[in-house]
């Protein structure tokens, strides 16, 4: 289900706010509140949020769903001119997809303390051993994303 917006040439913080809107939708759907947007040429071409519970599929992460949608929109798996904004540091599965899709940059908000693959658990995204190197920025609107995650998990305890 695509609901990409026609939002053109925003700032990095504005793109992350759009990803946070997706995370809020996930929260409302009782999904872990992680959202992502994929941007190409200054335009959001895909947006999504975690849907593991809804799809009963462990691979239904916000980042993967965005990559799949962007590939359909652009008619190619090669997303080298694109960047992805996600509310939490990507996991190993999502980092692998980001590298394989040749995405130029990933910007994330909060660290992924248990699954993160930039600085938290292992460092896949900065590895120079892959044939594609991703530029990474972390911490953009970290407090907002962390607060949403904290509220979600506190409600469930």
Protein backbone atom coordinates (compact mmCIF):
# COMPACT_ATOMS: atom_id res chain seq x y z
CA UNK A 1 0.00 0.00 0.00
CA UNK A 2 1.67 3.17 -1.15
CA UNK A 3 0.85 6.55 0.20
CA UNK A 4 3.87 8.50 -0.98
CA UNK A 5 3.48 12.25 -0.82
CA UNK A 6 4.36 14.76 -3.46
CA UNK A 7 6.72 16.56 -1.13
CA UNK A 8 9.62 18.15 -2.94
CA UNK A 9 12.97 19.47 -1.69
CA UNK A 10 12.53 19.54 2.04
CA UNK A 11 15.23 19.70 4.69
CA UNK A 12 16.58 16.55 6.31
CA UNK A 13 14.62 17.37 9.49
CA UNK A 14 11.41 17.70 7.47
CA UNK A 15 11.98 14.33 5.82
CA UNK A 16 12.57 12.80 9.25
CA UNK A 17 9.34 14.38 10.51
CA UNK A 18 7.56 12.57 7.67
CA UNK A 19 9.21 9.31 8.79
CA UNK A 20 8.03 10.06 12.34
CA UNK A 21 4.46 10.44 11.03
CA UNK A 22 4.81 6.91 9.66
CA UNK A 23 6.12 5.72 13.03
CA UNK A 24 3.05 7.24 14.69
CA UNK A 25 0.83 5.29 12.28
CA UNK A 26 2.66 2.12 13.26
CA UNK A 27 2.07 2.95 16.93
CA UNK A 28 -1.67 3.35 16.28
CA UNK A 29 -1.68 -0.05 14.56
CA UNK A 30 0.08 -1.73 17.53
CA UNK A 31 3.27 -2.14 15.51
CA UNK A 32 6.71 -1.20 16.82
CA UNK A 33 6.74 2.52 15.93
CA UNK A 34 9.34 2.71 13.21
CA UNK A 35 8.73 4.71 10.07
CA UNK A 36 10.72 5.51 6.95
CA UNK A 37 10.62 7.63 3.84
CA UNK A 38 12.72 7.16 0.72
CA UNK A 39 13.72 10.29 -1.16
CA UNK A 40 14.92 10.62 -4.73
CA UNK A 41 15.72 13.95 -6.39
CA UNK A 42 14.29 15.83 -3.41
CA UNK A 43 10.93 14.05 -3.61
CA UNK A 44 9.50 11.43 -1.28
CA UNK A 45 8.77 8.50 -3.57
CA UNK A 46 7.97 5.92 -0.89
CA UNK A 47 6.88 5.98 2.73
CA UNK A 48 5.91 3.24 5.10
CA UNK A 49 6.06 1.90 8.63
CA UNK A 50 6.57 -1.43 10.33
CA UNK A 51 3.83 -3.91 9.43
CA UNK A 52 5.13 -7.16 10.93
CA UNK A 53 2.01 -7.77 13.01
CA UNK A 54 -0.41 -6.88 10.22
CA UNK A 55 1.31 -9.06 7.64
CA UNK A 56 2.56 -11.78 10.01
CA UNK A 57 5.88 -11.37 8.19
CA UNK A 58 9.16 -10.66 9.98
CA UNK A 59 10.50 -8.89 6.88
CA UNK A 60 7.80 -6.20 6.88
CA UNK A 61 10.11 -3.49 8.19
CA UNK A 62 9.55 0.13 7.24
CA UNK A 63 12.84 0.36 5.33
CA UNK A 64 12.26 -2.80 3.28
CA UNK A 65 8.73 -1.76 2.40
CA UNK A 66 10.05 1.63 1.23
CA UNK A 67 12.76 0.02 -0.88
CA UNK A 68 10.20 -2.28 -2.51
CA UNK A 69 7.84 0.60 -3.26
CA UNK A 70 10.61 2.86 -4.59
CA UNK A 71 11.81 0.09 -6.89
CA UNK A 72 8.29 -0.18 -8.33
CA UNK A 73 7.95 3.59 -8.71
CA UNK A 74 11.33 3.96 -10.43
CA UNK A 75 11.20 0.68 -12.33
CA UNK A 76 14.60 -0.43 -11.04
CA UNK A 77 16.18 -2.03 -8.01
CA UNK A 78 19.16 0.34 -8.34
CA UNK A 79 18.38 3.25 -6.02
CA UNK A 80 21.79 4.94 -6.17
CA UNK A 81 20.37 8.44 -6.42
CA UNK A 82 18.15 7.94 -3.38
CA UNK A 83 18.39 8.35 0.36
CA UNK A 84 16.34 6.82 3.14
CA UNK A 85 15.25 8.44 6.40
CA UNK A 86 14.27 6.06 9.17
CA UNK A 87 13.29 6.68 12.77
CA UNK A 88 15.55 3.93 14.16
CA UNK A 89 19.03 2.73 13.24
CA UNK A 90 18.54 -0.05 10.66
CA UNK A 91 18.82 -3.73 11.56
CA UNK A 92 21.07 -6.18 9.69
CA UNK A 93 18.31 -7.17 7.26
CA UNK A 94 17.48 -3.57 6.38
CA UNK A 95 21.14 -2.54 6.17
CA UNK A 96 21.75 -5.40 3.75
CA UNK A 97 18.84 -4.24 1.60
CA UNK A 98 20.09 -0.64 1.72
CA UNK A 99 23.54 -1.74 0.54
CA UNK A 100 22.13 -4.07 -2.13
CA UNK A 101 19.81 -1.34 -3.45
CA UNK A 102 22.86 0.96 -3.66
CA UNK A 103 21.08 3.67 -1.66
CA UNK A 104 23.42 6.65 -1.33
CA UNK A 105 22.62 7.76 2.22
CA UNK A 106 20.75 6.58 5.29
CA UNK A 107 19.75 9.03 8.00
CA UNK A 108 18.27 7.68 11.20
CA UNK A 109 16.89 9.20 14.37
CA UNK A 110 17.32 6.91 17.40
CA UNK A 111 19.91 4.20 17.97
CA UNK A 112 18.76 0.61 17.58
CA UNK A 113 20.10 -0.59 20.91
CA UNK A 114 19.28 -4.27 20.33
CA UNK A 115 19.47 -4.57 16.53
CA UNK A 116 21.28 -1.50 15.15
CA UNK A 117 23.94 -2.00 12.51
CA UNK A 118 25.68 1.33 12.40
CA UNK A 119 27.04 1.94 15.88
CA UNK A 120 24.85 0.06 18.35
CA UNK A 121 25.45 -3.69 17.90
CA UNK A 122 27.67 -4.13 14.84
CA UNK A 123 28.82 -1.79 12.12
CA UNK A 124 27.61 -3.00 8.75
CA UNK A 125 26.72 0.35 7.20
CA UNK A 126 30.23 1.79 7.52
CA UNK A 127 32.00 -1.39 6.39
CA UNK A 128 34.38 -0.83 3.49
CA UNK A 129 34.28 -4.54 2.63
CA UNK A 130 31.11 -4.22 0.55
CA UNK A 131 31.14 -3.11 -3.08
CA UNK A 132 28.87 -0.19 -2.16
CA UNK A 133 29.49 2.29 0.63
CA UNK A 134 26.61 4.09 2.25
CA UNK A 135 26.86 7.54 3.82
CA UNK A 136 25.30 7.46 7.29
CA UNK A 137 24.00 10.13 9.64
CA UNK A 138 22.48 9.27 13.00
CA UNK A 139 20.72 11.23 15.71
CA UNK A 140 18.43 13.46 13.63
CA UNK A 141 15.31 14.08 15.80
CA UNK A 142 16.53 11.31 18.10
CA UNK A 143 14.56 12.53 21.13
CA UNK A 144 11.22 12.44 19.29
CA UNK A 145 11.79 8.93 17.98
CA UNK A 146 13.11 7.62 21.30
CA UNK A 147 10.10 9.06 23.15
CA UNK A 148 7.69 7.31 20.80
CA UNK A 149 9.49 3.98 21.25
CA UNK A 150 9.61 4.39 25.02
CA UNK A 151 5.89 5.15 25.23
CA UNK A 152 5.05 2.17 23.03
CA UNK A 153 7.02 -0.33 25.10
CA UNK A 154 5.89 1.13 28.44
CA UNK A 155 2.26 0.62 27.42
CA UNK A 156 2.95 -3.03 26.72
CA UNK A 157 4.62 -3.84 30.04
